[in-house]
Every structure is written in structure tokens, then in C-alpha cells.
Amino acid sequence: MIDRQPQPSTPLARIPFLSAVLHCIAMTAIVFLRYSFGFTYLRPKSVFFVFSWAFVLFFIYAWNEPGVWPKYRLVCLYGMGAVLLYLVNFVWAFFCELYEKGEREYYSGTSYPIRLMQLAGSFPSARLEMNWHIWVEPGLVLLAAAALRLLFRERHLSTWLFVVAPCFCFKECLNYWFRIRQKKRGTEAIKEAEEQINAPANNPDVEAPKAARKQNVKQQRAGTMSATEELQERRFAALLEMEPPFSLEQAEQNYRTLVKNCHPDPNDGSDENNRKTAELNDAVEFFRARGGE
């Protein structure tokens, strides 16, 4: 038996740090194109609240200045629309988290055309949704900017949208790259855990892995488990894309999110989806059993 020491929690940075500024700029357009965001995805909340309050003051100023309102009318209407949509999505996400209904805390929102496809009985693939976010939505913003500039001779809002479109595209590319890295790390962790589990059985001379101890560091004990159980925990945590310290609540939340993408009922019912669903079921049952101990 070995001691299992709790590891420090690390944030699930679904939005890479380098894209924080891009995220703030792109959100002024994203709220018009999607809905049902995850609560954490709506960060940094303090920045958006400050921006919202500043824009409300600017709107009041422009409304009361006859010489300013005609020049910035479209900018004011666009900005107030973005502020109101952000607040509506924020309140909705907050109550979903408050009543534990927020199944996808980091979800980047559902595009309206994607939702229409789902209502029509067609379930778009993850690749189609990714391409829609990276190329189609920024392209729509760019087309709107060009139409405002060429057809309506509007300079201020069109200039802003010309800035938003490349930031939007670059931000989604960074998010896609981050997801690829996370998936690769999870696959490597699963492979490493399986190799360590199978090593003692294939070679009796190989001892089971032992947990390393840090000397002169006092940590709270989180229970004991065998080496095989710890490797199983690591494998199942990687399948559920969990971060330490592992908990049943995190396992349940990640399970609900992941199983929607591969459950055989709404998808094509392929062998691959059935296999992934079975693996996720095994993983969450492992943590449910651990949680009931």
C-alpha cells in the first residue's frame, strides 16, 4: 500500500493566456453569433463589466449631444447590443452554475445555424463546428464590416469590425491548438498508465511502481490505494480530461460534457462512438465507486 498525496489544483485554462486580449475583443461579436456560454468562458468578467459601464456612459453622452449622436449612432447601438447580450448570457450561466445545471463550464457557446441543424435532426460533427467557429463566423464579421464601409459609408463601426474579424479567427485557432495539446497529453497519460499496469503482469521481475515521497514536507493524507488502483485512477482521469485533485463532482461534470459528443443515440452509432461511450462509462463508475467509499 502507498500513500496518495493530494496534488495542487491547476486551473482548466480552456482559453489560453496568450488569447486573453483576443478574447475580450472577439466577445463583442461572439455574443451576436452564439448563445448558452459556459460560466468560465465569459471571463475575464471584471474587464467586461468595466467595459460595459464605460460604454453605457458613452451612450448617454452621445444621446445627449446632437453633434455626436449621428456620427456614432451605429457604434452606440452595436455596443449596447453587445453589452445586453453579454449580461443576459452571464446571468443565465450564473444561475446554471448556482443550481448545478452548468454541464459545460468552459463551453464556447452554440452557434445559431448549428442549433438549427440540431433541431432539424442533423447533428453536425465536431470538425464542422470547429471549422464554423474558425472560418465562417470571422468571415461573417468581415463581410459585415465591408458592407458597412462600402454600402453605407460608415467608418467607425466598420473599422472596429475589421479589427474584430482577425482577432476572432486567431483566438479560435489558439483554442483549437490548445485542445489538440490537451488531448495529446491525455492520450499519453492513458498509454503510460496502461503500460505501467501491464508491466508487472508481463514481467514478474519488474516491481510495481512506488510513489515518490517528498522529505520534510507535511501534507494532508488523502487515503491509501494500491499502485494498480492509482494507475487506474490516472487512466480514467485522463479519459475524463480531469485535473488534480480528482473528485466525483469533477468526474460527473466532465462525463456529462464528453458523453454528448460520442453517445451512439444522437450520433451515427458507430463502433468508435460505442467504444468511447463504454470507456467513459467505466471511468465515471470508477470515481462513483470511489466516492461512495
C-alpha atoms as a PDB file:
ATOM      1  CA  MET A   1       0.000   0.000   0.000  1.00  0.00           C
ATOM      2  CA  ILE A   2       1.176   3.513  -0.711  1.00  0.00           C
ATOM      3  CA  ASP A   3       0.186   6.936   0.480  1.00  0.00           C
ATOM      4  CA  ARG A   4      -1.634   9.075  -2.027  1.00  0.00           C
ATOM      5  CA  GLN A   5      -0.762  12.720  -1.567  1.00  0.00           C
ATOM      6  CA  PRO A   6      -3.174  15.355  -2.925  1.00  0.00           C
ATOM      7  CA  GLN A   7      -1.698  17.392  -5.742  1.00  0.00           C
ATOM      8  CA  PRO A   8      -2.215  21.135  -6.120  1.00  0.00           C
ATOM      9  CA  SER A   9      -5.165  22.113  -8.238  1.00  0.00           C
ATOM     10  CA  THR A  10      -4.408  23.645 -11.612  1.00  0.00           C
ATOM     11  CA  PRO A  11      -6.929  25.777 -13.478  1.00  0.00           C
ATOM     12  CA  LEU A  12      -8.541  24.399 -16.623  1.00  0.00           C
ATOM     13  CA  ALA A  13      -7.365  27.213 -18.876  1.00  0.00           C
ATOM     14  CA  ARG A  14      -9.585  26.446 -21.844  1.00  0.00           C
ATOM     15  CA  ILE A  15      -8.833  29.918 -23.142  1.00  0.00           C
ATOM     16  CA  PRO A  16      -5.039  30.176 -23.484  1.00  0.00           C
ATOM     17  CA  PHE A  17      -3.374  33.073 -21.672  1.00  0.00           C
ATOM     18  CA  LEU A  18      -1.992  34.499 -24.926  1.00  0.00           C
ATOM     19  CA  SER A  19      -5.520  34.876 -26.269  1.00  0.00           C
ATOM     20  CA  ALA A  20      -6.927  36.862 -23.334  1.00  0.00           C
ATOM     21  CA  VAL A  21      -6.846  40.169 -25.210  1.00  0.00           C
ATOM     22  CA  LEU A  22      -8.153  38.492 -28.363  1.00  0.00           C
ATOM     23  CA  HIS A  23     -10.967  37.001 -26.313  1.00  0.00           C
ATOM     24  CA  CYS A  24     -12.039  40.402 -24.967  1.00  0.00           C
ATOM     25  CA  ILE A  25     -12.105  41.870 -28.490  1.00  0.00           C
ATOM     26  CA  ALA A  26     -13.827  38.896 -30.122  1.00  0.00           C
ATOM     27  CA  MET A  27     -16.562  38.642 -27.464  1.00  0.00           C
ATOM     28  CA  THR A  28     -18.093  41.887 -28.788  1.00  0.00           C
ATOM     29  CA  ALA A  29     -19.026  39.871 -31.915  1.00  0.00           C
ATOM     30  CA  ILE A  30     -19.362  36.359 -30.460  1.00  0.00           C
ATOM     31  CA  VAL A  31     -22.382  37.335 -28.334  1.00  0.00           C
ATOM     32  CA  PHE A  32     -24.273  38.167 -31.540  1.00  0.00           C
ATOM     33  CA  LEU A  33     -23.430  34.800 -33.147  1.00  0.00           C
ATOM     34  CA  ARG A  34     -23.814  32.300 -30.284  1.00  0.00           C
ATOM     35  CA  TYR A  35     -25.681  31.641 -27.049  1.00  0.00           C
ATOM     36  CA  SER A  36     -25.550  29.356 -23.990  1.00  0.00           C
ATOM     37  CA  PHE A  37     -21.953  30.026 -22.959  1.00  0.00           C
ATOM     38  CA  GLY A  38     -20.180  28.283 -20.106  1.00  0.00           C
ATOM     39  CA  PHE A  39     -19.785  30.399 -16.973  1.00  0.00           C
ATOM     40  CA  THR A  40     -15.984  30.301 -17.015  1.00  0.00           C
ATOM     41  CA  TYR A  41     -15.856  31.084 -20.732  1.00  0.00           C
ATOM     42  CA  LEU A  42     -17.373  34.515 -20.012  1.00  0.00           C
ATOM     43  CA  ARG A  43     -14.210  35.636 -18.238  1.00  0.00           C
ATOM     44  CA  PRO A  44     -12.484  37.981 -17.534  1.00  0.00           C
ATOM     45  CA  LYS A  45     -15.737  39.198 -16.040  1.00  0.00           C
ATOM     46  CA  SER A  46     -14.322  42.285 -14.336  1.00  0.00           C
ATOM     47  CA  VAL A  47     -12.959  43.561 -17.674  1.00  0.00           C
ATOM     48  CA  PHE A  48     -16.310  43.106 -19.402  1.00  0.00           C
ATOM     49  CA  PHE A  49     -18.203  44.783 -16.572  1.00  0.00           C
ATOM     50  CA  VAL A  50     -15.870  47.798 -16.663  1.00  0.00           C
ATOM     51  CA  PHE A  51     -16.212  47.961 -20.441  1.00  0.00           C
ATOM     52  CA  SER A  52     -19.999  47.727 -20.166  1.00  0.00           C
ATOM     53  CA  TRP A  53     -20.233  50.543 -17.639  1.00  0.00           C
ATOM     54  CA  ALA A  54     -17.898  52.751 -19.690  1.00  0.00           C
ATOM     55  CA  PHE A  55     -19.927  52.149 -22.831  1.00  0.00           C
ATOM     56  CA  VAL A  56     -23.210  52.944 -21.074  1.00  0.00           C
ATOM     57  CA  LEU A  57     -21.737  56.303 -20.051  1.00  0.00           C
ATOM     58  CA  PHE A  58     -20.584  56.927 -23.625  1.00  0.00           C
ATOM     59  CA  PHE A  59     -24.062  56.018 -24.927  1.00  0.00           C
ATOM     60  CA  ILE A  60     -25.684  58.530 -22.552  1.00  0.00           C
ATOM     61  CA  TYR A  61     -23.180  61.198 -23.589  1.00  0.00           C
ATOM     62  CA  ALA A  62     -23.719  60.597 -27.328  1.00  0.00           C
ATOM     63  CA  TRP A  63     -27.513  60.522 -26.895  1.00  0.00           C
ATOM     64  CA  ASN A  64     -27.494  63.957 -25.263  1.00  0.00           C
ATOM     65  CA  GLU A  65     -25.093  65.569 -27.733  1.00  0.00           C
ATOM     66  CA  PRO A  66     -26.824  66.334 -31.059  1.00  0.00           C
ATOM     67  CA  GLY A  67     -23.480  66.682 -32.842  1.00  0.00           C
ATOM     68  CA  VAL A  68     -22.136  63.340 -31.576  1.00  0.00           C
ATOM     69  CA  TRP A  69     -25.116  61.001 -31.923  1.00  0.00           C
ATOM     70  CA  PRO A  70     -25.394  60.955 -35.760  1.00  0.00           C
ATOM     71  CA  LYS A  71     -21.679  60.237 -36.067  1.00  0.00           C
ATOM     72  CA  TYR A  72     -21.541  57.380 -33.528  1.00  0.00           C
ATOM     73  CA  ARG A  73     -25.130  56.123 -33.696  1.00  0.00           C
ATOM     74  CA  LEU A  74     -24.318  52.674 -35.133  1.00  0.00           C
ATOM     75  CA  VAL A  75     -21.365  52.243 -32.777  1.00  0.00           C
ATOM     76  CA  CYS A  76     -23.607  53.001 -29.800  1.00  0.00           C
ATOM     77  CA  LEU A  77     -26.354  50.636 -30.918  1.00  0.00           C
ATOM     78  CA  TYR A  78     -23.884  47.848 -31.666  1.00  0.00           C
ATOM     79  CA  GLY A  79     -22.057  48.314 -28.348  1.00  0.00           C
ATOM     80  CA  MET A  80     -25.239  48.411 -26.265  1.00  0.00           C
ATOM     81  CA  GLY A  81     -26.465  45.285 -28.019  1.00  0.00           C
ATOM     82  CA  ALA A  82     -23.208  43.517 -27.160  1.00  0.00           C
ATOM     83  CA  VAL A  83     -23.435  44.684 -23.532  1.00  0.00           C
ATOM     84  CA  LEU A  84     -27.035  43.486 -23.112  1.00  0.00           C
ATOM     85  CA  LEU A  85     -26.380  40.115 -24.767  1.00  0.00           C
ATOM     86  CA  TYR A  86     -23.296  39.556 -22.612  1.00  0.00           C
ATOM     87  CA  LEU A  87     -25.254  40.333 -19.433  1.00  0.00           C
ATOM     88  CA  VAL A  88     -28.112  38.008 -20.448  1.00  0.00           C
ATOM     89  CA  ASN A  89     -25.694  35.142 -21.131  1.00  0.00           C
ATOM     90  CA  PHE A  90     -23.803  35.880 -17.923  1.00  0.00           C
ATOM     91  CA  VAL A  91     -26.956  35.773 -15.770  1.00  0.00           C
ATOM     92  CA  TRP A  92     -28.094  32.554 -17.465  1.00  0.00           C
ATOM     93  CA  ALA A  93     -24.691  30.882 -16.982  1.00  0.00           C
ATOM     94  CA  PHE A  94     -24.549  32.076 -13.357  1.00  0.00           C
ATOM     95  CA  PHE A  95     -27.894  30.507 -12.459  1.00  0.00           C
ATOM     96  CA  CYS A  96     -26.975  27.298 -14.291  1.00  0.00           C
ATOM     97  CA  GLU A  97     -23.864  27.062 -12.112  1.00  0.00           C
ATOM     98  CA  LEU A  98     -25.798  28.078  -8.995  1.00  0.00           C
ATOM     99  CA  TYR A  99     -28.311  25.269  -9.445  1.00  0.00           C
ATOM    100  CA  GLU A 100     -25.642  22.831 -10.711  1.00  0.00           C
ATOM    101  CA  LYS A 101     -27.044  22.695 -14.221  1.00  0.00           C
ATOM    102  CA  GLY A 102     -23.935  24.079 -15.899  1.00  0.00           C
ATOM    103  CA  GLU A 103     -22.793  20.889 -17.621  1.00  0.00           C
ATOM    104  CA  ARG A 104     -20.222  22.637 -19.812  1.00  0.00           C
ATOM    105  CA  GLU A 105     -18.487  25.229 -17.683  1.00  0.00           C
ATOM    106  CA  TYR A 106     -15.933  26.144 -20.358  1.00  0.00           C
ATOM    107  CA  TYR A 107     -18.279  25.782 -23.340  1.00  0.00           C
ATOM    108  CA  SER A 108     -17.719  28.444 -26.021  1.00  0.00           C
ATOM    109  CA  GLY A 109     -21.390  28.721 -26.927  1.00  0.00           C
ATOM    110  CA  THR A 110     -23.689  27.256 -29.575  1.00  0.00           C
ATOM    111  CA  SER A 111     -23.886  28.931 -32.982  1.00  0.00           C
ATOM    112  CA  TYR A 112     -27.425  29.625 -34.151  1.00  0.00           C
ATOM    113  CA  PRO A 113     -27.047  27.763 -37.505  1.00  0.00           C
ATOM    114  CA  ILE A 114     -25.593  24.746 -35.667  1.00  0.00           C
ATOM    115  CA  ARG A 115     -28.580  24.777 -33.318  1.00  0.00           C
ATOM    116  CA  LEU A 116     -30.986  24.925 -36.263  1.00  0.00           C
ATOM    117  CA  MET A 117     -29.297  21.853 -37.750  1.00  0.00           C
ATOM    118  CA  GLN A 118     -29.743  20.010 -34.465  1.00  0.00           C
ATOM    119  CA  LEU A 119     -33.422  20.946 -34.277  1.00  0.00           C
ATOM    120  CA  ALA A 120     -33.834  19.678 -37.838  1.00  0.00           C
ATOM    121  CA  GLY A 121     -32.498  16.279 -36.768  1.00  0.00           C
ATOM    122  CA  SER A 122     -28.986  16.704 -38.163  1.00  0.00           C
ATOM    123  CA  PHE A 123     -26.128  16.546 -35.659  1.00  0.00           C
ATOM    124  CA  PRO A 124     -23.028  18.313 -37.053  1.00  0.00           C
ATOM    125  CA  SER A 125     -19.661  16.753 -36.339  1.00  0.00           C
ATOM    126  CA  ALA A 126     -17.135  18.348 -34.013  1.00  0.00           C
ATOM    127  CA  ARG A 127     -14.924  19.137 -37.045  1.00  0.00           C
ATOM    128  CA  LEU A 128     -17.752  21.007 -38.775  1.00  0.00           C
ATOM    129  CA  GLU A 129     -18.417  23.050 -35.649  1.00  0.00           C
ATOM    130  CA  MET A 130     -14.704  23.804 -35.291  1.00  0.00           C
ATOM    131  CA  ASN A 131     -14.424  24.985 -38.912  1.00  0.00           C
ATOM    132  CA  TRP A 132     -17.553  27.096 -38.451  1.00  0.00           C
ATOM    133  CA  HIS A 133     -16.019  28.850 -35.445  1.00  0.00           C
ATOM    134  CA  ILE A 134     -12.600  29.394 -37.029  1.00  0.00           C
ATOM    135  CA  TRP A 135     -13.555  30.424 -40.571  1.00  0.00           C
ATOM    136  CA  VAL A 136     -17.264  31.085 -41.100  1.00  0.00           C
ATOM    137  CA  GLU A 137     -18.040  33.308 -38.095  1.00  0.00           C
ATOM    138  CA  PRO A 138     -14.981  35.580 -38.531  1.00  0.00           C
ATOM    139  CA  GLY A 139     -15.827  35.690 -42.246  1.00  0.00           C
ATOM    140  CA  LEU A 140     -19.346  36.896 -41.431  1.00  0.00           C
ATOM    141  CA  VAL A 141     -17.897  39.664 -39.263  1.00  0.00           C
ATOM    142  CA  LEU A 142     -15.548  40.663 -42.091  1.00  0.00           C
ATOM    143  CA  LEU A 143     -18.422  40.729 -44.599  1.00  0.00           C
ATOM    144  CA  ALA A 144     -20.481  42.911 -42.243  1.00  0.00           C
ATOM    145  CA  ALA A 145     -17.560  45.328 -41.925  1.00  0.00           C
ATOM    146  CA  ALA A 146     -17.105  45.500 -45.699  1.00  0.00           C
ATOM    147  CA  ALA A 147     -20.845  46.075 -46.254  1.00  0.00           C
ATOM    148  CA  LEU A 148     -20.919  48.913 -43.722  1.00  0.00           C
ATOM    149  CA  ARG A 149     -17.892  50.555 -45.312  1.00  0.00           C
ATOM    150  CA  LEU A 150     -18.831  50.135 -48.989  1.00  0.00           C
ATOM    151  CA  LEU A 151     -22.627  50.367 -48.949  1.00  0.00           C
ATOM    152  CA  PHE A 152     -23.341  52.709 -46.055  1.00  0.00           C
ATOM    153  CA  ARG A 153     -20.074  54.701 -45.917  1.00  0.00           C
ATOM    154  CA  GLU A 154     -19.855  54.007 -42.186  1.00  0.00           C
ATOM    155  CA  ARG A 155     -16.298  54.332 -40.863  1.00  0.00           C
ATOM    156  CA  HIS A 156     -16.261  53.885 -37.102  1.00  0.00           C
ATOM    157  CA  LEU A 157     -18.169  50.607 -36.640  1.00  0.00           C
ATOM    158  CA  SER A 158     -16.707  49.093 -39.818  1.00  0.00           C
ATOM    159  CA  THR A 159     -13.183  49.874 -38.608  1.00  0.00           C
ATOM    160  CA  TRP A 160     -13.905  48.131 -35.318  1.00  0.00           C
ATOM    161  CA  LEU A 161     -15.285  45.071 -37.092  1.00  0.00           C
ATOM    162  CA  PHE A 162     -12.227  44.946 -39.352  1.00  0.00           C
ATOM    163  CA  VAL A 163     -10.187  44.648 -36.128  1.00  0.00           C
ATOM    164  CA  VAL A 164     -12.545  42.095 -34.577  1.00  0.00           C
ATOM    165  CA  ALA A 165     -12.541  39.653 -37.533  1.00  0.00           C
ATOM    166  CA  PRO A 166      -8.808  38.666 -37.485  1.00  0.00           C
ATOM    167  CA  CYS A 167      -8.764  38.652 -33.662  1.00  0.00           C
ATOM    168  CA  PHE A 168     -11.785  36.344 -33.730  1.00  0.00           C
ATOM    169  CA  CYS A 169     -10.105  33.928 -36.178  1.00  0.00           C
ATOM    170  CA  PHE A 170      -6.747  33.953 -34.360  1.00  0.00           C
ATOM    171  CA  LYS A 171      -8.407  33.362 -30.994  1.00  0.00           C
ATOM    172  CA  GLU A 172     -10.306  30.302 -32.259  1.00  0.00           C
ATOM    173  CA  CYS A 173      -7.116  28.925 -33.843  1.00  0.00           C
ATOM    174  CA  LEU A 174      -5.330  29.246 -30.490  1.00  0.00           C
ATOM    175  CA  ASN A 175      -8.197  27.482 -28.708  1.00  0.00           C
ATOM    176  CA  TYR A 176      -8.122  24.656 -31.255  1.00  0.00           C
ATOM    177  CA  TRP A 177      -4.356  24.291 -30.826  1.00  0.00           C
ATOM    178  CA  PHE A 178      -4.798  24.157 -27.040  1.00  0.00           C
ATOM    179  CA  ARG A 179      -7.433  21.413 -27.315  1.00  0.00           C
ATOM    180  CA  ILE A 180      -5.092  19.362 -29.528  1.00  0.00           C
ATOM    181  CA  ARG A 181      -2.338  19.655 -26.903  1.00  0.00           C
ATOM    182  CA  GLN A 182      -4.705  18.698 -24.087  1.00  0.00           C
ATOM    183  CA  LYS A 183      -5.995  15.677 -25.992  1.00  0.00           C
ATOM    184  CA  LYS A 184      -2.440  14.573 -26.774  1.00  0.00           C
ATOM    185  CA  ARG A 185      -1.411  14.833 -23.124  1.00  0.00           C
ATOM    186  CA  GLY A 186      -4.472  12.816 -22.124  1.00  0.00           C
ATOM    187  CA  THR A 187      -3.660  10.092 -24.673  1.00  0.00           C
ATOM    188  CA  GLU A 188      -0.066   9.904 -23.479  1.00  0.00           C
ATOM    189  CA  ALA A 189      -1.189   9.673 -19.849  1.00  0.00           C
ATOM    190  CA  ILE A 190      -3.571   6.812 -20.690  1.00  0.00           C
ATOM    191  CA  LYS A 191      -0.860   4.957 -22.613  1.00  0.00           C
ATOM    192  CA  GLU A 192       1.677   5.413 -19.824  1.00  0.00           C
ATOM    193  CA  ALA A 193      -0.795   4.201 -17.178  1.00  0.00           C
ATOM    194  CA  GLU A 194      -1.697   1.120 -19.229  1.00  0.00           C
ATOM    195  CA  GLU A 195       1.971   0.272 -19.771  1.00  0.00           C
ATOM    196  CA  GLN A 196       2.688   0.528 -16.046  1.00  0.00           C
ATOM    197  CA  ILE A 197      -0.356  -1.586 -15.183  1.00  0.00           C
ATOM    198  CA  ASN A 198       0.629  -4.324 -17.649  1.00  0.00           C
ATOM    199  CA  ALA A 199       4.356  -4.262 -16.825  1.00  0.00           C
ATOM    200  CA  PRO A 200       4.230  -6.438 -13.646  1.00  0.00           C
ATOM    201  CA  ALA A 201       1.968  -8.995 -15.338  1.00  0.00           C
ATOM    202  CA  ASN A 202       4.189  -9.328 -18.411  1.00  0.00           C
ATOM    203  CA  ASN A 203       7.422  -9.393 -16.463  1.00  0.00           C
ATOM    204  CA  PRO A 204       7.297 -10.863 -12.940  1.00  0.00           C
ATOM    205  CA  ASP A 205      10.768  -9.488 -12.211  1.00  0.00           C
ATOM    206  CA  VAL A 206       9.531  -5.910 -12.592  1.00  0.00           C
ATOM    207  CA  GLU A 207       8.287  -4.419  -9.353  1.00  0.00           C
ATOM    208  CA  ALA A 208       5.139  -2.367  -9.219  1.00  0.00           C
ATOM    209  CA  PRO A 209       5.801   1.394  -9.293  1.00  0.00           C
ATOM    210  CA  LYS A 210       6.237   3.050  -5.947  1.00  0.00           C
ATOM    211  CA  ALA A 211       5.096   6.508  -5.024  1.00  0.00           C
ATOM    212  CA  ALA A 212       7.837   9.049  -4.546  1.00  0.00           C
ATOM    213  CA  ARG A 213       7.917  10.774  -1.172  1.00  0.00           C
ATOM    214  CA  LYS A 214       8.937  14.348  -0.546  1.00  0.00           C
ATOM    215  CA  GLN A 215      11.016  14.673   2.591  1.00  0.00           C
ATOM    216  CA  ASN A 216      10.450  17.400   5.166  1.00  0.00           C
ATOM    217  CA  VAL A 217       7.150  18.408   3.581  1.00  0.00           C
ATOM    218  CA  LYS A 218       3.982  17.913   5.596  1.00  0.00           C
ATOM    219  CA  GLN A 219       0.897  17.165   3.534  1.00  0.00           C
ATOM    220  CA  GLN A 220      -2.572  16.035   4.447  1.00  0.00           C
ATOM    221  CA  ARG A 221      -3.211  12.378   3.742  1.00  0.00           C
ATOM    222  CA  ALA A 222      -5.990  11.677   1.251  1.00  0.00           C
ATOM    223  CA  GLY A 223      -6.230   7.929   1.870  1.00  0.00           C
ATOM    224  CA  THR A 224      -4.304   4.930   0.640  1.00  0.00           C
ATOM    225  CA  MET A 225      -4.568   2.816  -2.502  1.00  0.00           C
ATOM    226  CA  SER A 226      -2.560   0.201  -4.298  1.00  0.00           C
ATOM    227  CA  ALA A 227      -0.236   1.013  -7.181  1.00  0.00           C
ATOM    228  CA  THR A 228      -2.645  -0.600  -9.653  1.00  0.00           C
ATOM    229  CA  GLU A 229      -5.573   1.454  -8.343  1.00  0.00           C
ATOM    230  CA  GLU A 230      -3.557   4.649  -8.605  1.00  0.00           C
ATOM    231  CA  LEU A 231      -2.642   3.867 -12.206  1.00  0.00           C
ATOM    232  CA  GLN A 232      -6.286   3.120 -12.961  1.00  0.00           C
ATOM    233  CA  GLU A 233      -7.251   6.424 -11.423  1.00  0.00           C
ATOM    234  CA  ARG A 234      -4.758   8.255 -13.627  1.00  0.00           C
ATOM    235  CA  ARG A 235      -6.024   6.453 -16.736  1.00  0.00           C
ATOM    236  CA  PHE A 236      -9.687   7.146 -16.004  1.00  0.00           C
ATOM    237  CA  ALA A 237      -8.920  10.775 -15.066  1.00  0.00           C
ATOM    238  CA  ALA A 238      -7.205  11.239 -18.426  1.00  0.00           C
ATOM    239  CA  LEU A 239     -10.228   9.755 -20.216  1.00  0.00           C
ATOM    240  CA  LEU A 240     -12.478  12.261 -18.444  1.00  0.00           C
ATOM    241  CA  GLU A 241      -9.987  15.115 -19.023  1.00  0.00           C
ATOM    242  CA  MET A 242      -9.793  15.780 -15.284  1.00  0.00           C
ATOM    243  CA  GLU A 243      -7.237  17.850 -13.419  1.00  0.00           C
ATOM    244  CA  PRO A 244      -5.915  17.065  -9.905  1.00  0.00           C
ATOM    245  CA  PRO A 245      -7.157  16.919  -7.233  1.00  0.00           C
ATOM    246  CA  PHE A 246      -9.673  14.417  -8.648  1.00  0.00           C
ATOM    247  CA  SER A 247     -13.216  14.483  -7.292  1.00  0.00           C
ATOM    248  CA  LEU A 248     -16.520  12.799  -8.039  1.00  0.00           C
ATOM    249  CA  GLU A 249     -18.105  16.164  -8.820  1.00  0.00           C
ATOM    250  CA  GLN A 250     -15.473  16.933 -11.462  1.00  0.00           C
ATOM    251  CA  ALA A 251     -15.812  13.418 -12.893  1.00  0.00           C
ATOM    252  CA  GLU A 252     -19.599  13.726 -13.205  1.00  0.00           C
ATOM    253  CA  GLN A 253     -19.395  17.151 -14.825  1.00  0.00           C
ATOM    254  CA  ASN A 254     -16.744  16.147 -17.376  1.00  0.00           C
ATOM    255  CA  TYR A 255     -18.586  12.895 -18.105  1.00  0.00           C
ATOM    256  CA  ARG A 256     -21.811  14.707 -18.990  1.00  0.00           C
ATOM    257  CA  THR A 257     -19.899  17.019 -21.316  1.00  0.00           C
ATOM    258  CA  LEU A 258     -17.857  14.339 -23.105  1.00  0.00           C
ATOM    259  CA  VAL A 259     -20.556  11.710 -23.484  1.00  0.00           C
ATOM    260  CA  LYS A 260     -22.694  14.117 -25.512  1.00  0.00           C
ATOM    261  CA  ASN A 261     -20.050  14.138 -28.258  1.00  0.00           C
ATOM    262  CA  CYS A 262     -19.860  10.361 -28.657  1.00  0.00           C
ATOM    263  CA  HIS A 263     -23.127   8.897 -27.377  1.00  0.00           C
ATOM    264  CA  PRO A 264     -24.445   6.491 -30.022  1.00  0.00           C
ATOM    265  CA  ASP A 265     -28.087   7.629 -29.824  1.00  0.00           C
ATOM    266  CA  PRO A 266     -27.805  11.175 -31.306  1.00  0.00           C
ATOM    267  CA  ASN A 267     -24.790  10.308 -33.475  1.00  0.00           C
ATOM    268  CA  ASP A 268     -24.173   7.673 -36.075  1.00  0.00           C
ATOM    269  CA  GLY A 269     -23.996   4.750 -33.652  1.00  0.00           C
ATOM    270  CA  SER A 270     -20.589   3.686 -34.974  1.00  0.00           C
ATOM    271  CA  ASP A 271     -18.324   1.205 -33.217  1.00  0.00           C
ATOM    272  CA  GLU A 272     -15.941   4.046 -32.355  1.00  0.00           C
ATOM    273  CA  ASN A 273     -18.684   6.031 -30.597  1.00  0.00           C
ATOM    274  CA  ASN A 274     -19.831   2.915 -28.757  1.00  0.00           C
ATOM    275  CA  ARG A 275     -16.276   2.202 -27.625  1.00  0.00           C
ATOM    276  CA  LYS A 276     -15.729   5.780 -26.401  1.00  0.00           C
ATOM    277  CA  THR A 277     -19.043   5.788 -24.576  1.00  0.00           C
ATOM    278  CA  ALA A 278     -18.201   2.485 -22.862  1.00  0.00           C
ATOM    279  CA  GLU A 279     -14.802   3.850 -21.775  1.00  0.00           C
ATOM    280  CA  LEU A 280     -16.404   6.992 -20.346  1.00  0.00           C
ATOM    281  CA  ASN A 281     -18.980   4.882 -18.509  1.00  0.00           C
ATOM    282  CA  ASP A 282     -16.213   2.750 -16.964  1.00  0.00           C
ATOM    283  CA  ALA A 283     -14.288   5.870 -15.966  1.00  0.00           C
ATOM    284  CA  VAL A 284     -17.173   7.626 -14.244  1.00  0.00           C
ATOM    285  CA  GLU A 285     -18.251   4.395 -12.493  1.00  0.00           C
ATOM    286  CA  PHE A 286     -14.739   4.106 -11.082  1.00  0.00           C
ATOM    287  CA  PHE A 287     -14.986   7.539  -9.460  1.00  0.00           C
ATOM    288  CA  ARG A 288     -18.564   6.878  -8.336  1.00  0.00           C
ATOM    289  CA  ALA A 289     -17.382   3.746  -6.548  1.00  0.00           C
ATOM    290  CA  ARG A 290     -14.508   5.708  -5.001  1.00  0.00           C
ATOM    291  CA  GLY A 291     -16.873   8.474  -3.947  1.00  0.00           C
ATOM    292  CA  GLY A 292     -19.108   6.025  -2.142  1.00  0.00           C
ATOM    293  CA  GLU A 293     -16.301   4.588  -0.030  1.00  0.00           C
END
